[in-house]
Amino acid sequence: MNLTTRKSGGRKGARLGQHFLTRPEIARWVADAVELTHDDMVLEIGPGHGILTRELLALAGKVVAVEKDPALVAELKETFVEQIAEGKLVLLEEDVRDFDPATRKELQGGYKVAANIPYYITGYIIRKFLTTVHQPKSLAVLIQKEVAERVVAKNGKESLLSLSVKAYGTPSVTHVVKAGAFSPPPKVDSAILVVGDIQRTCFHSKVHEENFFELLHIAFQNKRKQLGVTLRDYFLKHPDAILLKKARPEDMPLESWLEASRKIIK
């Protein structure tokens, strides 16, 4: 979801799953949420017309912006000609799905992510930057409100998504953005999701990390069933497991899943 105060190009954006922001102060909310300082490097995904880019440039030491639309890239080059010349903004014409943060020298000392993305690639973007070898320190994304609430498990029930995020960082929702703030307005409200303290110290090894996700996927394929049914083979091998056989996957906390997956020996 790209942020912009302009209404031109709105129909094209809608076809691409984009909804353009008409309230520029929300761009500041996103920038503030990632807690930038002048020593920080920030990666912006989908700068669009640059309303968030401007806020990030005011707060961070340097911005690397990845935009795949050639027309928007050309516009950004005109809008931020001085910042690009000064080296404060690095503009890359590239699909973020093909982008590897490890290949950019500007990001090697650590970086944060700020993103305004179409709903349909929300899960992919979150997964990509949490699981990449060169992880960001934190990220702030403007996404569908319902998805953000699932990540933080607002209803007290865990999901495959919430556990997958919590394994790498601490999620929170800072603001809710009403649908009417966008043009064209989406059918649902949005929210700013922040994931802080990103790291992979929860896992003892790569195998542990792989086992964790394999166990989760098996369990949540039948999330309404008790774990004793979906994970029968696991309980046969680990009769002392701390996972409760009569519990459903959504009722087990992250720590239990981490411990259970650590015990798996292939």
Protein backbone atom coordinates (compact mmCIF):
# COMPACT_ATOMS: atom_id res chain seq x y z
CA MET A 1 0.00 0.00 0.00
CA ASN A 2 1.72 3.15 -1.18
CA LEU A 3 1.11 6.43 0.64
CA THR A 4 0.43 9.56 -1.33
CA THR A 5 -1.54 12.77 -1.10
CA ARG A 6 -2.25 12.62 -4.82
CA LYS A 7 -5.39 11.17 -6.30
CA SER A 8 -3.99 10.85 -9.79
CA GLY A 9 -3.17 7.26 -10.66
CA GLY A 10 -5.68 5.99 -8.11
CA ARG A 11 -7.32 3.59 -10.57
CA LYS A 12 -3.98 2.05 -11.49
CA GLY A 13 -3.15 1.71 -7.81
CA ALA A 14 -6.44 -0.03 -7.15
CA ARG A 15 -5.65 -2.61 -9.84
CA LEU A 16 -2.31 -3.23 -8.15
CA GLY A 17 -3.93 -3.62 -4.76
CA GLN A 18 -2.82 -0.16 -3.65
CA HIS A 19 -4.83 2.44 -1.76
CA PHE A 20 -3.43 5.95 -1.65
CA LEU A 21 -3.40 7.89 1.58
CA THR A 22 -5.04 11.30 1.67
CA ARG A 23 -3.87 12.23 5.20
CA PRO A 24 -0.12 12.90 5.25
CA GLU A 25 0.14 12.82 9.06
CA ILE A 26 -0.28 9.06 8.92
CA ALA A 27 3.04 8.84 7.09
CA ARG A 28 4.60 10.43 10.16
CA TRP A 29 2.92 7.82 12.35
CA VAL A 30 4.62 5.05 10.37
CA ALA A 31 7.99 6.82 10.49
CA ASP A 32 7.67 7.43 14.22
CA ALA A 33 6.63 3.83 14.87
CA VAL A 34 9.96 2.42 13.68
CA GLU A 35 11.79 4.76 16.12
CA LEU A 36 14.44 6.22 13.85
CA THR A 37 17.47 8.27 14.80
CA HIS A 38 19.95 10.12 12.60
CA ASP A 39 22.29 7.16 13.01
CA ASP A 40 19.81 4.72 11.49
CA MET A 41 19.63 3.28 8.01
CA VAL A 42 16.07 2.58 6.89
CA LEU A 43 14.79 0.44 4.05
CA GLU A 44 11.52 1.69 2.60
CA ILE A 45 9.38 -0.70 0.60
CA GLY A 46 7.14 0.85 -2.05
CA PRO A 47 7.75 4.60 -1.64
CA GLY A 48 5.09 5.45 -4.23
CA HIS A 49 4.97 9.23 -4.58
CA GLY A 50 7.30 9.73 -1.61
CA ILE A 51 5.17 11.05 1.24
CA LEU A 52 6.61 8.52 3.69
CA THR A 53 10.05 8.87 2.11
CA ARG A 54 10.07 12.54 3.10
CA GLU A 55 9.29 11.69 6.73
CA LEU A 56 11.95 8.98 6.82
CA LEU A 57 14.58 11.33 5.39
CA ALA A 58 13.80 13.82 8.15
CA LEU A 59 14.38 11.23 10.87
CA ALA A 60 16.96 8.73 9.58
CA GLY A 61 20.56 9.04 8.52
CA LYS A 62 19.93 7.39 5.16
CA VAL A 63 17.06 5.83 3.25
CA VAL A 64 17.22 2.97 0.73
CA ALA A 65 13.91 2.91 -1.15
CA VAL A 66 12.81 -0.02 -3.33
CA GLU A 67 10.13 0.74 -5.94
CA LYS A 68 9.26 -1.46 -8.92
CA ASP A 69 7.05 0.99 -10.87
CA PRO A 70 9.24 2.79 -13.45
CA ALA A 71 6.91 5.79 -13.62
CA LEU A 72 7.04 6.26 -9.86
CA VAL A 73 10.81 5.86 -9.86
CA ALA A 74 11.09 8.64 -12.44
CA GLU A 75 8.85 10.87 -10.32
CA LEU A 76 10.82 10.14 -7.16
CA LYS A 77 14.07 11.02 -8.91
CA GLU A 78 12.65 14.47 -9.65
CA THR A 79 11.09 14.98 -6.24
CA PHE A 80 14.21 13.99 -4.30
CA VAL A 81 16.93 15.07 -6.71
CA GLU A 82 18.86 16.88 -3.95
CA GLN A 83 18.67 14.03 -1.43
CA ILE A 84 19.79 11.54 -4.06
CA ALA A 85 22.71 13.79 -5.05
CA GLU A 86 23.69 14.14 -1.39
CA GLY A 87 23.60 10.36 -0.91
CA LYS A 88 20.86 10.51 1.72
CA LEU A 89 18.47 8.59 -0.52
CA VAL A 90 19.32 5.51 -2.57
CA LEU A 91 16.51 4.74 -4.99
CA LEU A 92 16.32 1.23 -6.45
CA GLU A 93 14.01 0.23 -9.30
CA GLU A 94 13.36 -3.32 -8.23
CA ASP A 95 10.63 -5.70 -7.07
CA VAL A 96 11.09 -6.13 -3.33
CA ARG A 97 10.31 -9.82 -3.74
CA ASP A 98 13.63 -10.14 -5.58
CA PHE A 99 15.51 -7.82 -3.21
CA ASP A 100 18.22 -9.22 -0.93
CA PRO A 101 19.27 -6.82 1.88
CA ALA A 102 22.58 -8.65 2.19
CA THR A 103 23.62 -7.30 -1.23
CA ARG A 104 23.40 -3.63 -0.27
CA LYS A 105 26.47 -2.23 1.49
CA GLU A 106 24.38 0.60 2.95
CA LEU A 107 22.44 -1.94 5.04
CA GLN A 108 25.35 -4.00 6.33
CA GLY A 109 25.72 -2.08 9.60
CA GLY A 110 22.11 -2.75 10.52
CA TYR A 111 18.84 -1.31 9.25
CA LYS A 112 15.14 -0.85 9.95
CA VAL A 113 12.18 -1.34 7.63
CA ALA A 114 9.23 0.97 6.97
CA ALA A 115 6.66 -0.25 4.49
CA ASN A 116 3.37 0.65 2.86
CA ILE A 117 2.39 -2.44 0.96
CA PRO A 118 -0.60 -3.95 -0.86
CA TYR A 119 -2.55 -6.34 1.33
CA TYR A 120 -1.88 -9.30 -0.94
CA ILE A 121 1.87 -9.36 -0.24
CA THR A 122 1.66 -8.56 3.49
CA GLY A 123 2.45 -12.08 4.65
CA TYR A 124 5.24 -12.49 2.15
CA ILE A 125 6.96 -9.24 3.15
CA ILE A 126 6.76 -9.94 6.87
CA ARG A 127 8.05 -13.49 6.40
CA LYS A 128 10.81 -12.39 4.03
CA PHE A 129 12.35 -9.85 6.37
CA LEU A 130 11.92 -11.83 9.58
CA THR A 131 13.53 -14.97 8.17
CA THR A 132 16.23 -13.45 5.98
CA VAL A 133 19.83 -14.04 7.02
CA HIS A 134 20.41 -10.28 7.26
CA GLN A 135 17.43 -9.31 9.43
CA PRO A 136 16.37 -5.72 10.16
CA LYS A 137 16.42 -4.44 13.74
CA SER A 138 12.72 -3.62 13.55
CA LEU A 139 9.98 -3.02 11.03
CA ALA A 140 6.79 -0.95 10.81
CA VAL A 141 4.18 -1.82 8.18
CA LEU A 142 0.77 -0.39 7.38
CA ILE A 143 -1.41 -3.44 6.81
CA GLN A 144 -4.95 -4.73 7.10
CA LYS A 145 -6.24 -4.20 10.65
CA GLU A 146 -7.54 -7.75 10.98
CA VAL A 147 -4.15 -9.19 10.04
CA ALA A 148 -2.33 -6.92 12.50
CA GLU A 149 -4.68 -8.03 15.28
CA ARG A 150 -4.03 -11.68 14.42
CA VAL A 151 -0.28 -11.10 14.68
CA VAL A 152 -0.54 -9.69 18.20
CA ALA A 153 -3.21 -12.30 19.11
CA LYS A 154 -5.57 -9.60 20.35
CA ASN A 155 -8.25 -12.19 21.12
CA GLY A 156 -5.84 -14.25 23.21
CA LYS A 157 -5.67 -17.01 20.62
CA GLU A 158 -2.41 -17.75 18.81
CA SER A 159 -2.26 -18.51 15.10
CA LEU A 160 0.35 -19.77 12.68
CA LEU A 161 0.97 -16.13 11.77
CA SER A 162 1.27 -14.80 15.32
CA LEU A 163 3.63 -17.56 16.45
CA SER A 164 5.75 -17.17 13.32
CA VAL A 165 6.22 -13.46 14.02
CA LYS A 166 6.72 -13.78 17.78
CA ALA A 167 9.51 -16.31 17.22
CA TYR A 168 11.60 -13.47 15.78
CA GLY A 169 10.43 -10.29 17.47
CA THR A 170 7.89 -8.43 19.61
CA PRO A 171 4.78 -7.29 17.69
CA SER A 172 2.49 -4.40 18.62
CA VAL A 173 -0.13 -2.21 16.97
CA THR A 174 0.45 1.53 17.33
CA HIS A 175 -2.39 3.07 15.32
CA VAL A 176 -5.59 2.14 13.52
CA VAL A 177 -6.16 3.92 10.21
CA LYS A 178 -9.74 4.19 9.00
CA ALA A 179 -10.58 3.13 5.46
CA GLY A 180 -11.80 6.63 4.66
CA ALA A 181 -8.24 7.94 4.91
CA PHE A 182 -7.42 6.32 1.58
CA SER A 183 -8.37 6.90 -2.03
CA PRO A 184 -9.81 4.67 -3.25
CA PRO A 185 -10.90 3.49 0.20
CA PRO A 186 -10.29 -0.18 0.93
CA LYS A 187 -13.16 -2.30 2.23
CA VAL A 188 -11.51 -2.65 5.64
CA ASP A 189 -9.55 -0.51 8.10
CA SER A 190 -5.76 -0.63 8.32
CA ALA A 191 -3.30 -0.61 11.21
CA ILE A 192 0.37 0.09 11.79
CA LEU A 193 2.06 -3.10 12.91
CA VAL A 194 5.49 -2.81 14.52
CA VAL A 195 7.82 -5.75 15.13
CA GLY A 196 10.69 -4.78 17.40
CA ASP A 197 13.80 -6.50 18.75
CA ILE A 198 14.08 -8.73 15.68
CA GLN A 199 16.52 -11.61 16.08
CA ARG A 200 16.57 -15.40 15.91
CA THR A 201 17.95 -16.20 19.37
CA CYS A 202 14.86 -18.28 20.15
CA PHE A 203 16.33 -21.02 17.99
CA HIS A 204 19.32 -23.12 19.04
CA SER A 205 20.15 -24.10 15.47
CA LYS A 206 18.92 -24.04 11.88
CA VAL A 207 17.43 -27.48 12.42
CA HIS A 208 15.54 -26.20 15.45
CA GLU A 209 14.14 -23.35 13.34
CA GLU A 210 13.05 -25.75 10.59
CA ASN A 211 11.47 -28.14 13.11
CA PHE A 212 9.55 -25.29 14.71
CA PHE A 213 7.82 -24.31 11.49
CA GLU A 214 7.24 -27.91 10.42
CA LEU A 215 5.53 -28.64 13.74
CA LEU A 216 3.40 -25.50 13.52
CA HIS A 217 2.26 -26.22 9.98
CA ILE A 218 1.20 -29.77 10.87
CA ALA A 219 -0.69 -28.60 13.95
CA PHE A 220 -2.47 -25.66 12.32
CA GLN A 221 -3.57 -27.64 9.27
CA ASN A 222 -6.35 -28.86 11.58
CA LYS A 223 -6.40 -26.03 14.09
CA ARG A 224 -9.80 -27.04 15.50
CA LYS A 225 -8.55 -30.49 16.45
CA GLN A 226 -6.72 -31.35 19.65
CA LEU A 227 -2.95 -31.68 19.47
CA GLY A 228 -3.13 -35.33 20.51
CA VAL A 229 -4.83 -36.03 17.17
CA THR A 230 -2.81 -33.85 14.80
CA LEU A 231 0.57 -34.56 16.43
CA ARG A 232 0.04 -38.24 17.27
CA ASP A 233 3.47 -39.31 15.97
CA TYR A 234 5.18 -36.57 17.96
CA PHE A 235 3.55 -37.63 21.23
CA LEU A 236 4.46 -41.29 20.62
CA LYS A 237 8.12 -40.26 20.40
CA HIS A 238 7.92 -37.69 23.20
CA PRO A 239 5.51 -38.92 25.88
CA ASP A 240 6.81 -36.28 28.32
CA ALA A 241 6.14 -33.41 25.92
CA ILE A 242 5.01 -30.14 27.46
CA LEU A 243 2.41 -29.69 24.70
CA LEU A 244 -1.01 -30.61 26.07
CA LYS A 245 -2.67 -33.40 24.09
CA LYS A 246 -6.18 -32.08 24.73
CA ALA A 247 -5.30 -28.49 23.83
CA ARG A 248 -5.83 -26.89 20.47
CA PRO A 249 -2.89 -25.23 18.65
CA GLU A 250 -4.20 -21.72 19.36
CA ASP A 251 -4.05 -22.35 23.11
CA MET A 252 -0.33 -23.17 23.29
CA PRO A 253 2.17 -20.33 23.91
CA LEU A 254 5.30 -19.71 21.88
CA GLU A 255 7.60 -21.14 24.57
CA SER A 256 5.87 -24.52 24.42
CA TRP A 257 6.25 -24.75 20.64
CA LEU A 258 9.91 -23.78 20.84
CA GLU A 259 10.63 -26.41 23.46
CA ALA A 260 8.69 -29.11 21.59
CA SER A 261 10.46 -28.43 18.30
CA ARG A 262 13.85 -28.39 19.99
CA LYS A 263 13.37 -31.99 21.13
CA ILE A 264 12.74 -33.34 17.64
CA ILE A 265 15.62 -35.43 16.33
CA LYS A 266 15.57 -36.35 12.65
